[in-house]
Structures are given as structure tokens and as C-alpha cells.
Amino acid sequence: MDYDKSKKIGNLIKVVVVLLILVILVGGSFYRVNEQENAVVTMFGEVISTKSAGLYFKIPIVQQVTKVDITTHGTGIGYSIAGNGQNIEDSTNGIMITKDFNLLNIDFYLEYRVSDPVAYLYHSNNPEEVLKNIALSSIRSTVVNYTVDEAMTTAKGQIQADVKADMIKELTADNIGLSVVNITIQDSEPPTAEIIQEFKAVETAKQGADTAKNNALKYQNEQIPQAEASADKIIQDATASKEARIADAEGQVARFNKMYEEYSKYPLITKKRLFYETMEDLLPNLKVIITDGSTNTMLPLESFSTTTVEESN
């Protein structure tokens, strides 16, 4: 009797376990997507489908479902929203430079939504942060095209339209699964006196850098032509010297060839002529001294010739 009772209890436990597994499998085979969501279905890490609102079946354990909120969300650009709903100024991202080189504290409210759940989940690690950076870049590149008065008054609508158009273009290129619903200017006013002072210091430094750069360019423009002119003169002088040396060498070669030609015809006469010409060049610069080889006194011939010349005069 005890054995039969234990066997019945064991069978009952098995049945309960099987029923429990079946309940889990059946419960995990169906999922519901509400109106504010899209679902991304993956199998073995690969996306196989996306689902909108409705009730769907999936293969338990094998297929995974990730739900994405597709409602419109909002965030502040240039300020943040505290838990109590109070706006906190963000001077790092709220201060912009205008076309007339003024500073402007301008805040935007950005509304966005998920347009592509797959790209939102898998194309970037933090799509909201990428969206915020794109918004800041578009705002800065747009505000700089307007004067401070325009940005604070008449051009607000155009600025909003330009920023939105630029963001749509960038989001399409980056494909992070988010789209801009709307972006509006919340407030625009001059920044604090401290920030203005810092901006002036930066502008002064820029002007100093520009002045130094201009002076360097001026010095460069003055020195380069002088250096080029000096280099040209050196090259011209060297070329002229080269040509003169070549011409002189060619002349000497021609004279030697002509002399050799004469020598070949009349060797003896040419030798004597060369000897006489050489003596004519050397003798005027020589001092002739006559000595008998035994006396200690040497009489230069020059004194006698000089006296003779003077007496003849």
C-alpha cells in the first residue's frame, strides 16, 4: 500500500511539472503590443520582423521580443527639467554666438519620436545622446547666421524651421531610428555679465592672434621677394662667371691650337718667336746683377742703365 501511494504521488508530481511547463510555454508563446509601442522580433540575434499593435505568437525561448515606445518625447536644449518640473539653465549648451558677434542665451524644446525601431535599438549605443548632439550642432550653425536682434524677435520662426530642416537631414544620414516632431524656441535673452566678460577676453585673444598672424605674413611677404632677388643675383653672377671662364678657356684653346699649327709648319722659327716674346714679358721686371764670382761687391746693372737714361735726357 505504501509503495502504491508513493507511486501515485510521484506520478502526480510529474503531471504537475508537465502542466507547469506547458503553461509557461503557452504563456511565453503569445505577446501583446499596445498602441504606443512597436515590437522587434529576433531569433538567434537576427531581426526577423517588427510588429505594431496587436496579439502575436512567437516560438518560446528561441525567439525574443523587444518592445519600443513610439510615442512623442520631449527634452530641453539649453536647459534641463528637474524632477519638480523646474527649468535649470544649462549655460554650456545654451550660449550661442550670433552673426554680429554677440552672445545670446537661447533655449529650445525638442520633440522627437522613434521612427525606426530596429535602427533605434541596434544602430547606436545611445540614440538620444546622438540626437541631442545633432540638435546642438544644428542650432549653433543656424543661430550664427542671424543677428542678436533678429534671433530675439523677428527671426525666431525662421530659426526654428532652419534647425528642424538641418536636423532632419543629419538624422537621415546617421539613421539612428529617431525623427524630429518639432523644435521651438522657449526663451532668448542676453547672457550674464560674467559670460560676456569671458567672451570679450576670448575675442581679444583672437584679435591678438590675428594681429600676430598678419604681422608674420607681412614679414614673410617682405622677406621672400628679397631672398628670391638675392638668389637670382647669385645665380646670374655664377652664370656670368661660368660663361666668362668658358669663353676664356675656349679662347686659350683656340690660341694654343693656332700656335701649334704654326709650330707644326715652322718649328724652329716658332720656337725663337716664343722665346723672344717670353723674354719681352720677363726682362722688364728683372734686376740684372753683374759679378765676377770672386768679389764681395755686386753692381746692379739697373743703376747704370738708369744713369745712362738720365744723362741722355
Protein backbone atom coordinates (compact mmCIF):
# COMPACT_ATOMS: atom_id res chain seq x y z
CA MET A 1 0.00 0.00 0.00
CA ASP A 2 2.80 2.48 0.84
CA TYR A 3 4.50 1.67 -2.48
CA ASP A 4 1.33 2.38 -4.49
CA LYS A 5 0.73 5.60 -2.61
CA SER A 6 4.30 6.81 -3.27
CA LYS A 7 3.95 5.91 -6.95
CA LYS A 8 0.72 7.88 -7.24
CA ILE A 9 2.34 10.90 -5.58
CA GLY A 10 5.31 10.66 -7.99
CA ASN A 11 3.02 10.48 -11.00
CA LEU A 12 1.04 13.44 -9.70
CA ILE A 13 4.24 15.50 -9.34
CA LYS A 14 5.25 14.62 -12.89
CA VAL A 15 1.86 15.69 -14.18
CA VAL A 16 2.07 18.98 -12.29
CA VAL A 17 5.56 19.67 -13.65
CA VAL A 18 4.45 18.91 -17.21
CA LEU A 19 1.40 21.11 -16.82
CA LEU A 20 3.54 23.89 -15.37
CA ILE A 21 5.97 23.65 -18.30
CA LEU A 22 3.08 23.71 -20.75
CA VAL A 23 1.62 26.78 -19.05
CA ILE A 24 4.99 28.55 -19.22
CA LEU A 25 5.49 27.62 -22.87
CA VAL A 26 1.97 28.58 -23.86
CA GLY A 27 2.17 31.81 -21.85
CA GLY A 28 5.53 32.65 -23.43
CA SER A 29 4.26 31.93 -26.92
CA PHE A 30 1.97 34.92 -27.10
CA TYR A 31 2.70 38.60 -26.59
CA ARG A 32 0.68 41.77 -26.94
CA VAL A 33 1.83 45.07 -28.44
CA ASN A 34 -0.18 48.13 -27.44
CA GLU A 35 -0.91 51.26 -29.46
CA GLN A 36 2.07 53.20 -28.06
CA GLU A 37 4.62 50.52 -28.95
CA ASN A 38 6.33 48.61 -31.71
CA ALA A 39 7.92 45.22 -31.15
CA VAL A 40 11.15 43.92 -32.70
CA VAL A 41 11.33 40.13 -33.00
CA THR A 42 14.76 38.48 -33.13
CA MET A 43 15.85 34.88 -33.48
CA PHE A 44 19.43 33.83 -32.73
CA GLY A 45 20.40 37.52 -32.62
CA GLU A 46 18.97 38.35 -36.06
CA VAL A 47 15.97 40.64 -36.59
CA ILE A 48 13.20 38.75 -38.37
CA SER A 49 10.23 41.15 -38.09
CA THR A 50 8.71 44.23 -36.45
CA LYS A 51 5.16 44.30 -35.10
CA SER A 52 2.70 47.11 -34.47
CA ALA A 53 -0.28 46.98 -32.06
CA GLY A 54 -1.90 43.54 -31.66
CA LEU A 55 -1.60 40.00 -30.23
CA TYR A 56 1.11 37.77 -31.72
CA PHE A 57 2.64 34.31 -31.42
CA LYS A 58 6.34 33.58 -31.06
CA ILE A 59 8.41 30.48 -30.64
CA PRO A 60 9.21 30.20 -26.92
CA ILE A 61 12.83 30.56 -25.87
CA VAL A 62 14.07 30.66 -29.49
CA GLN A 63 12.50 33.99 -30.41
CA GLN A 64 12.94 37.18 -28.38
CA VAL A 65 10.71 40.26 -28.41
CA THR A 66 11.86 43.80 -27.57
CA LYS A 67 9.22 46.49 -27.25
CA VAL A 68 9.97 50.12 -28.18
CA ASP A 69 7.97 53.15 -27.11
CA ILE A 70 6.96 55.11 -30.25
CA THR A 71 5.16 57.99 -28.52
CA THR A 72 6.47 61.56 -28.77
CA HIS A 73 9.04 62.58 -26.16
CA GLY A 74 10.49 65.99 -25.32
CA THR A 75 13.74 67.37 -23.97
CA GLY A 76 15.23 70.78 -23.34
CA ILE A 77 18.22 72.13 -25.27
CA GLY A 78 19.98 74.87 -23.32
CA TYR A 79 18.23 73.92 -20.10
CA SER A 80 17.21 70.82 -18.18
CA ILE A 81 14.00 69.92 -16.41
CA ALA A 82 14.30 68.96 -12.73
CA GLY A 83 12.16 66.34 -11.04
CA ASN A 84 9.85 69.02 -9.63
CA GLY A 85 9.28 70.43 -13.11
CA GLN A 86 11.55 73.45 -12.62
CA ASN A 87 13.77 74.51 -15.52
CA ILE A 88 17.51 74.62 -14.75
CA GLU A 89 19.71 76.76 -17.02
CA ASP A 90 22.48 74.99 -18.93
CA SER A 91 24.94 77.77 -19.85
CA THR A 92 27.33 75.31 -21.50
CA ASN A 93 24.85 74.44 -24.25
CA GLY A 94 22.57 77.49 -24.14
CA ILE A 95 25.05 80.26 -25.04
CA MET A 96 25.28 80.89 -28.80
CA ILE A 97 27.27 83.35 -30.95
CA THR A 98 25.26 85.45 -33.39
CA LYS A 99 26.13 86.88 -36.79
CA ASP A 100 27.10 90.27 -35.31
CA PHE A 101 29.46 88.58 -32.79
CA ASN A 102 27.17 88.93 -29.79
CA LEU A 103 26.31 86.29 -27.23
CA LEU A 104 22.77 85.02 -26.85
CA ASN A 105 21.30 82.70 -24.22
CA ILE A 106 18.71 80.80 -26.26
CA ASP A 107 16.71 77.73 -25.15
CA PHE A 108 14.89 75.20 -27.33
CA TYR A 109 12.34 72.48 -26.61
CA LEU A 110 12.82 69.42 -28.82
CA GLU A 111 10.04 66.90 -29.52
CA TYR A 112 11.02 63.59 -31.10
CA ARG A 113 9.85 60.01 -31.58
CA VAL A 114 11.13 56.61 -32.66
CA SER A 115 10.59 56.23 -36.42
CA ASP A 116 12.57 53.01 -36.97
CA PRO A 117 12.62 50.59 -34.00
CA VAL A 118 15.35 48.39 -35.49
CA ALA A 119 17.72 51.31 -36.15
CA TYR A 120 16.87 52.75 -32.72
CA LEU A 121 17.86 49.51 -30.98
CA TYR A 122 20.92 48.49 -32.98
CA HIS A 123 22.46 51.40 -34.94
CA SER A 124 23.83 53.33 -31.95
CA ASN A 125 24.54 52.77 -28.27
CA ASN A 126 22.74 55.92 -27.11
CA PRO A 127 20.46 57.37 -29.83
CA GLU A 128 19.03 60.09 -27.52
CA GLU A 129 22.53 61.44 -26.86
CA VAL A 130 23.32 61.42 -30.59
CA LEU A 131 20.05 63.29 -31.22
CA LYS A 132 20.96 65.93 -28.64
CA ASN A 133 24.40 66.46 -30.20
CA ILE A 134 22.85 66.82 -33.66
CA ALA A 135 20.37 69.35 -32.26
CA LEU A 136 23.15 71.42 -30.65
CA SER A 137 25.19 71.38 -33.85
CA SER A 138 22.21 72.43 -35.98
CA ILE A 139 21.24 75.21 -33.53
CA ARG A 140 24.75 76.66 -33.43
CA SER A 141 25.20 76.57 -37.21
CA THR A 142 21.80 78.27 -37.63
CA VAL A 143 21.91 80.97 -34.93
CA VAL A 144 25.27 82.20 -36.23
CA ASN A 145 23.50 83.28 -39.45
CA TYR A 146 21.30 85.82 -37.61
CA THR A 147 21.98 88.97 -35.64
CA VAL A 148 21.19 89.07 -31.93
CA ASP A 149 18.17 91.34 -32.51
CA GLU A 150 16.76 89.01 -35.19
CA ALA A 151 17.25 85.93 -33.01
CA MET A 152 15.41 87.60 -30.11
CA THR A 153 12.50 88.99 -32.19
CA THR A 154 11.52 88.60 -35.84
CA ALA A 155 13.59 85.59 -36.93
CA LYS A 156 12.50 83.05 -34.31
CA GLY A 157 10.17 81.21 -36.67
CA GLN A 158 12.78 81.02 -39.43
CA ILE A 159 15.44 79.82 -36.99
CA GLN A 160 13.13 77.03 -35.81
CA ALA A 161 12.42 75.97 -39.41
CA ASP A 162 16.12 76.03 -40.36
CA VAL A 163 17.14 74.00 -37.31
CA LYS A 164 14.44 71.40 -37.96
CA ALA A 165 15.38 71.05 -41.64
CA ASP A 166 19.05 70.62 -40.80
CA MET A 167 18.30 68.05 -38.10
CA ILE A 168 16.10 66.02 -40.46
CA LYS A 169 18.96 65.95 -42.97
CA GLU A 170 21.51 64.83 -40.34
CA LEU A 171 19.21 62.22 -38.79
CA THR A 172 18.52 60.74 -42.22
CA ALA A 173 22.25 60.44 -42.86
CA ASP A 174 23.03 58.95 -39.41
CA ASN A 175 19.99 56.62 -39.38
CA ILE A 176 19.64 56.23 -35.61
CA GLY A 177 15.91 55.50 -35.75
CA LEU A 178 14.72 58.85 -34.34
CA SER A 179 12.85 61.66 -36.09
CA VAL A 180 12.14 65.28 -35.17
CA VAL A 181 8.49 66.09 -34.49
CA ASN A 182 9.04 69.76 -33.65
CA ILE A 183 11.60 72.15 -32.17
CA THR A 184 10.64 75.52 -30.70
CA ILE A 185 12.44 78.42 -29.07
CA GLN A 186 11.45 78.68 -25.41
CA ASP A 187 13.39 81.79 -24.48
CA SER A 188 16.18 84.04 -25.77
CA GLU A 189 17.98 86.75 -23.84
CA PRO A 190 21.47 88.22 -23.37
CA PRO A 191 23.74 86.13 -21.11
CA THR A 192 25.08 87.19 -17.72
CA ALA A 193 27.77 89.86 -17.32
CA GLU A 194 30.37 87.26 -16.33
CA ILE A 195 29.89 85.30 -19.53
CA ILE A 196 30.02 88.47 -21.62
CA GLN A 197 33.34 89.38 -19.96
CA GLU A 198 34.75 85.94 -20.70
CA PHE A 199 33.60 86.22 -24.29
CA LYS A 200 35.31 89.59 -24.64
CA ALA A 201 38.52 88.10 -23.30
CA VAL A 202 38.31 85.31 -25.89
CA GLU A 203 37.67 87.84 -28.67
CA THR A 204 40.63 89.93 -27.52
CA ALA A 205 42.85 86.86 -27.63
CA LYS A 206 41.58 86.05 -31.12
CA GLN A 207 42.29 89.57 -32.31
CA GLY A 208 45.80 89.36 -30.84
CA ALA A 209 46.34 86.06 -32.63
CA ASP A 210 45.06 87.55 -35.90
CA THR A 211 47.36 90.56 -35.50
CA ALA A 212 50.37 88.35 -34.87
CA LYS A 213 49.46 86.20 -37.86
CA ASN A 214 49.06 89.24 -40.11
CA ASN A 215 52.41 90.63 -38.96
CA ALA A 216 54.06 87.30 -39.67
CA LEU A 217 52.52 87.20 -43.14
CA LYS A 218 53.65 90.78 -43.79
CA TYR A 219 57.21 89.93 -42.75
CA GLN A 220 57.07 86.81 -44.92
CA ASN A 221 55.84 88.80 -47.92
CA GLU A 222 58.65 91.30 -47.42
CA GLN A 223 61.45 88.80 -46.92
CA ILE A 224 60.61 86.25 -49.59
CA PRO A 225 60.96 88.69 -52.57
CA GLN A 226 64.28 89.93 -51.16
CA ALA A 227 65.54 86.40 -50.69
CA GLU A 228 64.38 85.44 -54.17
CA ALA A 229 66.08 88.53 -55.64
CA SER A 230 69.33 87.70 -53.81
CA ALA A 231 69.13 84.12 -55.00
CA ASP A 232 68.54 85.27 -58.60
CA LYS A 233 71.54 87.65 -58.41
CA ILE A 234 73.78 84.90 -57.08
CA ILE A 235 72.63 82.58 -59.86
CA GLN A 236 73.12 85.29 -62.51
CA ASP A 237 76.62 86.15 -61.20
CA ALA A 238 77.55 82.49 -61.14
CA THR A 239 76.20 82.01 -64.65
CA ALA A 240 78.11 85.04 -65.91
CA SER A 241 81.33 83.85 -64.24
CA LYS A 242 80.82 80.42 -65.72
CA GLU A 243 80.30 81.80 -69.21
CA ALA A 244 83.33 84.09 -68.87
CA ARG A 245 85.56 81.23 -67.75
CA ILE A 246 84.29 79.01 -70.53
CA ALA A 247 84.89 81.77 -73.11
CA ASP A 248 88.40 82.44 -71.77
CA ALA A 249 89.21 78.74 -71.79
CA GLU A 250 87.88 78.37 -75.33
CA GLY A 251 89.97 81.39 -76.39
CA GLN A 252 93.11 79.92 -74.87
CA VAL A 253 92.41 76.59 -76.54
CA ALA A 254 91.92 78.31 -79.89
CA ARG A 255 95.17 80.31 -79.40
CA PHE A 256 97.08 77.17 -78.45
CA ASN A 257 95.69 75.28 -81.44
CA LYS A 258 96.67 78.10 -83.78
CA MET A 259 100.12 78.28 -82.21
CA TYR A 260 100.54 74.53 -82.54
CA GLU A 261 99.52 74.74 -86.17
CA GLU A 262 102.25 77.32 -86.80
CA TYR A 263 104.74 75.25 -84.85
CA SER A 264 103.94 72.21 -86.98
CA LYS A 265 104.75 74.20 -90.11
CA TYR A 266 107.87 76.09 -88.85
CA PRO A 267 109.16 74.56 -85.61
CA LEU A 268 112.45 76.49 -85.36
CA ILE A 269 111.02 79.90 -86.23
CA THR A 270 108.11 79.39 -83.87
CA LYS A 271 110.42 78.39 -81.00
CA LYS A 272 112.51 81.53 -81.46
CA ARG A 273 109.44 83.73 -81.66
CA LEU A 274 108.03 82.23 -78.48
CA PHE A 275 111.39 82.67 -76.76
CA TYR A 276 111.63 86.34 -77.76
CA GLU A 277 108.03 87.03 -76.72
CA THR A 278 108.65 85.37 -73.36
CA MET A 279 111.82 87.41 -72.81
CA GLU A 280 109.94 90.61 -73.67
CA ASP A 281 107.47 89.77 -70.92
CA LEU A 282 110.07 88.76 -68.32
CA LEU A 283 113.08 91.07 -68.75
CA PRO A 284 111.40 94.41 -67.90
CA ASN A 285 110.63 93.07 -64.44
CA LEU A 286 114.07 91.53 -63.75
CA LYS A 287 117.08 93.08 -61.98
CA VAL A 288 120.37 92.24 -63.73
CA ILE A 289 123.43 91.98 -61.48
CA ILE A 290 126.96 91.61 -62.86
CA THR A 291 129.60 89.82 -60.78
CA ASP A 292 132.89 88.14 -61.47
CA GLY A 293 132.15 85.45 -58.94
CA SER A 294 135.04 86.35 -56.60
CA THR A 295 134.40 89.86 -55.33
CA ASN A 296 132.11 90.71 -52.45
CA THR A 297 130.60 93.66 -54.23
CA MET A 298 127.82 93.19 -56.71
CA LEU A 299 126.99 96.01 -59.03
CA PRO A 300 123.39 96.10 -60.19
CA LEU A 301 123.07 96.87 -63.83
CA GLU A 302 119.92 98.87 -63.15
CA SER A 303 121.74 101.85 -61.63
CA PHE A 304 123.98 102.18 -64.67
CA SER A 305 121.11 101.92 -67.07
CA THR A 306 119.12 104.47 -65.06
CA THR A 307 122.06 106.90 -65.00
CA THR A 308 122.58 106.44 -68.67
CA VAL A 309 118.96 107.18 -69.37
CA GLU A 310 119.03 110.34 -67.20
CA GLU A 311 122.27 111.62 -68.80
CA SER A 312 120.87 111.06 -72.23
CA ASN A 313 117.88 113.18 -71.27
